[in-house]
Amino acid sequence: MNKTNSLLTRITQTPGQCGGRPCIRGMRIRVSDILEMLAENVSISEILEDFPDLEFADIQACLIFAAKRTEFPRLIA
């Protein structure tokens, strides 16, 4: 398993938990919440301080998860 796939195993989706939205390692911390904080210029160290159960690799997993969702087939003219 490569590092990207290993990190993506940290993202879980469980029916009935957070409305079935992607979360981090089964916790009630949604991927979207972490991404929004990063977009609002909250530093990774601040996020990790605010959520002591999170690890740096969880933040990486959120970013990879988002990047994978933006992969679209190329259109060739």
N, C-alpha and C. Protein backbone atom coordinates (compact mmCIF):
# COMPACT_ATOMS: atom_id res chain seq x y z
N MET A 1 0.86 -1.18 0.00
CA MET A 1 0.00 0.00 0.00
C MET A 1 0.90 1.24 0.00
N ASN A 2 0.66 2.16 -0.94
CA ASN A 2 1.48 3.36 -0.98
C ASN A 2 1.02 4.35 0.09
N LYS A 3 1.81 5.41 0.29
CA LYS A 3 1.52 6.36 1.36
C LYS A 3 0.17 7.04 1.19
N THR A 4 -0.17 7.39 -0.06
CA THR A 4 -1.46 8.05 -0.30
C THR A 4 -2.61 7.15 0.13
N ASN A 5 -2.59 5.90 -0.30
CA ASN A 5 -3.67 4.98 0.07
C ASN A 5 -3.69 4.73 1.58
N SER A 6 -2.52 4.67 2.17
CA SER A 6 -2.42 4.49 3.62
C SER A 6 -3.08 5.66 4.36
N LEU A 7 -2.80 6.88 3.90
CA LEU A 7 -3.40 8.05 4.53
C LEU A 7 -4.91 8.06 4.33
N LEU A 8 -5.37 7.65 3.16
CA LEU A 8 -6.81 7.68 2.89
C LEU A 8 -7.59 6.71 3.76
N THR A 9 -6.94 5.71 4.34
CA THR A 9 -7.65 4.79 5.24
C THR A 9 -8.07 5.51 6.52
N ARG A 10 -7.51 6.68 6.78
CA ARG A 10 -7.88 7.47 7.96
C ARG A 10 -9.24 8.14 7.78
N ILE A 11 -9.72 8.22 6.54
CA ILE A 11 -11.01 8.85 6.26
C ILE A 11 -12.08 7.77 6.25
N THR A 12 -13.09 7.95 7.09
CA THR A 12 -14.16 6.96 7.21
C THR A 12 -15.52 7.60 6.95
N GLN A 13 -16.44 6.78 6.49
CA GLN A 13 -17.82 7.20 6.32
C GLN A 13 -18.70 6.14 6.95
N THR A 14 -19.47 6.54 7.94
CA THR A 14 -20.32 5.62 8.67
C THR A 14 -21.75 6.13 8.62
N PRO A 15 -22.68 5.32 8.09
CA PRO A 15 -24.08 5.75 8.09
C PRO A 15 -24.52 6.12 9.51
N GLY A 16 -25.21 7.23 9.64
CA GLY A 16 -25.71 7.64 10.94
C GLY A 16 -24.72 8.47 11.75
N GLN A 17 -23.50 8.56 11.31
CA GLN A 17 -22.52 9.38 12.02
C GLN A 17 -22.23 10.61 11.16
N CYS A 18 -22.46 11.78 11.72
CA CYS A 18 -22.26 13.05 11.01
C CYS A 18 -22.98 13.06 9.67
N GLY A 19 -24.15 12.47 9.65
CA GLY A 19 -24.96 12.45 8.44
C GLY A 19 -24.33 11.66 7.30
N GLY A 20 -23.45 10.72 7.64
CA GLY A 20 -22.79 9.91 6.62
C GLY A 20 -21.67 10.64 5.90
N ARG A 21 -21.31 11.83 6.39
CA ARG A 21 -20.23 12.60 5.76
C ARG A 21 -18.87 12.00 6.14
N PRO A 22 -17.87 12.22 5.30
CA PRO A 22 -16.53 11.71 5.60
C PRO A 22 -15.96 12.33 6.88
N CYS A 23 -15.46 11.47 7.74
CA CYS A 23 -14.88 11.88 9.02
C CYS A 23 -13.46 11.32 9.13
N ILE A 24 -12.79 11.71 10.18
CA ILE A 24 -11.43 11.27 10.41
C ILE A 24 -11.42 10.15 11.44
N ARG A 25 -10.93 9.00 11.03
CA ARG A 25 -10.74 7.82 11.88
C ARG A 25 -11.93 7.50 12.77
N GLY A 26 -13.13 7.62 12.21
CA GLY A 26 -14.33 7.25 12.95
C GLY A 26 -14.74 8.24 14.02
N MET A 27 -13.98 9.32 14.16
CA MET A 27 -14.35 10.35 15.13
C MET A 27 -15.40 11.25 14.51
N ARG A 28 -15.97 12.09 15.29
CA ARG A 28 -16.98 13.03 14.78
C ARG A 28 -16.33 14.34 14.36
N ILE A 29 -15.19 14.22 13.72
CA ILE A 29 -14.50 15.37 13.15
C ILE A 29 -14.59 15.20 11.64
N ARG A 30 -15.37 16.08 11.01
CA ARG A 30 -15.61 15.94 9.58
C ARG A 30 -14.44 16.48 8.76
N VAL A 31 -14.18 15.83 7.66
CA VAL A 31 -13.15 16.27 6.72
C VAL A 31 -13.45 17.71 6.29
N SER A 32 -14.70 18.00 6.01
CA SER A 32 -15.07 19.34 5.54
C SER A 32 -14.74 20.41 6.58
N ASP A 33 -14.87 20.09 7.86
CA ASP A 33 -14.55 21.06 8.91
C ASP A 33 -13.06 21.40 8.90
N ILE A 34 -12.22 20.38 8.73
CA ILE A 34 -10.77 20.60 8.69
C ILE A 34 -10.41 21.41 7.45
N LEU A 35 -10.99 21.07 6.31
CA LEU A 35 -10.71 21.80 5.07
C LEU A 35 -11.14 23.25 5.17
N GLU A 36 -12.29 23.50 5.78
CA GLU A 36 -12.76 24.87 5.94
C GLU A 36 -11.82 25.67 6.84
N MET A 37 -11.35 25.04 7.91
CA MET A 37 -10.40 25.73 8.79
C MET A 37 -9.12 26.09 8.05
N LEU A 38 -8.62 25.16 7.26
CA LEU A 38 -7.41 25.44 6.47
C LEU A 38 -7.66 26.57 5.49
N ALA A 39 -8.84 26.58 4.87
CA ALA A 39 -9.19 27.64 3.92
C ALA A 39 -9.31 29.00 4.61
N GLU A 40 -9.67 28.98 5.88
CA GLU A 40 -9.78 30.22 6.66
C GLU A 40 -8.45 30.62 7.29
N ASN A 41 -7.38 29.97 6.83
CA ASN A 41 -6.01 30.29 7.26
C ASN A 41 -5.72 29.93 8.71
N VAL A 42 -6.44 28.94 9.23
CA VAL A 42 -6.10 28.41 10.55
C VAL A 42 -4.91 27.48 10.33
N SER A 43 -3.87 27.65 11.12
CA SER A 43 -2.66 26.85 10.92
C SER A 43 -2.88 25.41 11.36
N ILE A 44 -2.08 24.54 10.80
CA ILE A 44 -2.16 23.13 11.17
C ILE A 44 -1.89 22.96 12.66
N SER A 45 -0.93 23.69 13.17
CA SER A 45 -0.62 23.56 14.61
C SER A 45 -1.80 24.01 15.47
N GLU A 46 -2.53 25.05 15.03
CA GLU A 46 -3.72 25.48 15.78
C GLU A 46 -4.80 24.41 15.74
N ILE A 47 -4.99 23.80 14.57
CA ILE A 47 -6.00 22.74 14.45
C ILE A 47 -5.64 21.58 15.38
N LEU A 48 -4.38 21.19 15.37
CA LEU A 48 -3.95 20.07 16.22
C LEU A 48 -4.08 20.41 17.71
N GLU A 49 -3.89 21.68 18.06
CA GLU A 49 -4.09 22.10 19.46
C GLU A 49 -5.57 22.04 19.83
N ASP A 50 -6.43 22.48 18.91
CA ASP A 50 -7.87 22.51 19.18
C ASP A 50 -8.48 21.11 19.20
N PHE A 51 -7.88 20.18 18.47
CA PHE A 51 -8.37 18.81 18.39
C PHE A 51 -7.24 17.86 18.78
N PRO A 52 -7.02 17.67 20.07
CA PRO A 52 -5.86 16.88 20.52
C PRO A 52 -5.86 15.42 20.05
N ASP A 53 -7.02 14.90 19.63
CA ASP A 53 -7.06 13.52 19.14
C ASP A 53 -6.57 13.40 17.70
N LEU A 54 -6.45 14.54 17.01
CA LEU A 54 -5.97 14.52 15.62
C LEU A 54 -4.45 14.41 15.57
N GLU A 55 -3.99 13.85 14.47
CA GLU A 55 -2.56 13.73 14.18
C GLU A 55 -2.28 14.46 12.87
N PHE A 56 -1.02 14.84 12.66
CA PHE A 56 -0.65 15.52 11.43
C PHE A 56 -1.08 14.72 10.20
N ALA A 57 -0.94 13.41 10.26
CA ALA A 57 -1.33 12.55 9.13
C ALA A 57 -2.82 12.66 8.83
N ASP A 58 -3.64 12.98 9.82
CA ASP A 58 -5.08 13.17 9.58
C ASP A 58 -5.32 14.39 8.70
N ILE A 59 -4.55 15.45 8.93
CA ILE A 59 -4.67 16.66 8.12
C ILE A 59 -4.24 16.34 6.68
N GLN A 60 -3.14 15.61 6.55
CA GLN A 60 -2.68 15.20 5.23
C GLN A 60 -3.75 14.38 4.52
N ALA A 61 -4.39 13.49 5.25
CA ALA A 61 -5.44 12.64 4.68
C ALA A 61 -6.60 13.48 4.17
N CYS A 62 -6.97 14.52 4.91
CA CYS A 62 -8.06 15.41 4.47
C CYS A 62 -7.70 16.08 3.15
N LEU A 63 -6.47 16.54 3.04
CA LEU A 63 -6.04 17.22 1.82
C LEU A 63 -6.00 16.26 0.64
N ILE A 64 -5.50 15.06 0.85
CA ILE A 64 -5.47 14.07 -0.23
C ILE A 64 -6.89 13.69 -0.64
N PHE A 65 -7.76 13.50 0.36
CA PHE A 65 -9.15 13.16 0.09
C PHE A 65 -9.79 14.23 -0.80
N ALA A 66 -9.57 15.49 -0.46
CA ALA A 66 -10.13 16.59 -1.26
C ALA A 66 -9.53 16.61 -2.66
N ALA A 67 -8.24 16.40 -2.76
CA ALA A 67 -7.57 16.41 -4.06
C ALA A 67 -8.13 15.30 -4.95
N LYS A 68 -8.35 14.13 -4.38
CA LYS A 68 -8.89 13.01 -5.16
C LYS A 68 -10.30 13.32 -5.68
N ARG A 69 -11.04 14.13 -4.95
CA ARG A 69 -12.40 14.46 -5.37
C ARG A 69 -12.42 15.47 -6.51
N THR A 70 -11.28 16.08 -6.82
CA THR A 70 -11.24 17.05 -7.90
C THR A 70 -10.65 16.46 -9.17
N GLU A 71 -10.36 15.17 -9.17
CA GLU A 71 -9.84 14.53 -10.38
C GLU A 71 -10.99 14.27 -11.35
N PHE A 72 -10.88 14.89 -12.50
CA PHE A 72 -11.89 14.71 -13.54
C PHE A 72 -11.21 14.21 -14.80
N PRO A 73 -11.92 13.46 -15.63
CA PRO A 73 -11.33 13.03 -16.90
C PRO A 73 -10.98 14.24 -17.75
N ARG A 74 -9.90 14.14 -18.47
CA ARG A 74 -9.51 15.22 -19.38
C ARG A 74 -10.38 15.18 -20.63
N LEU A 75 -10.71 16.37 -21.08
CA LEU A 75 -11.43 16.50 -22.34
C LEU A 75 -10.41 16.87 -23.41
N ILE A 76 -10.40 16.13 -24.47
CA ILE A 76 -9.47 16.41 -25.55
C ILE A 76 -10.26 16.86 -26.76
N ALA A 77 -9.89 18.01 -27.27
CA ALA A 77 -10.62 18.57 -28.42
C ALA A 77 -10.09 18.01 -29.71
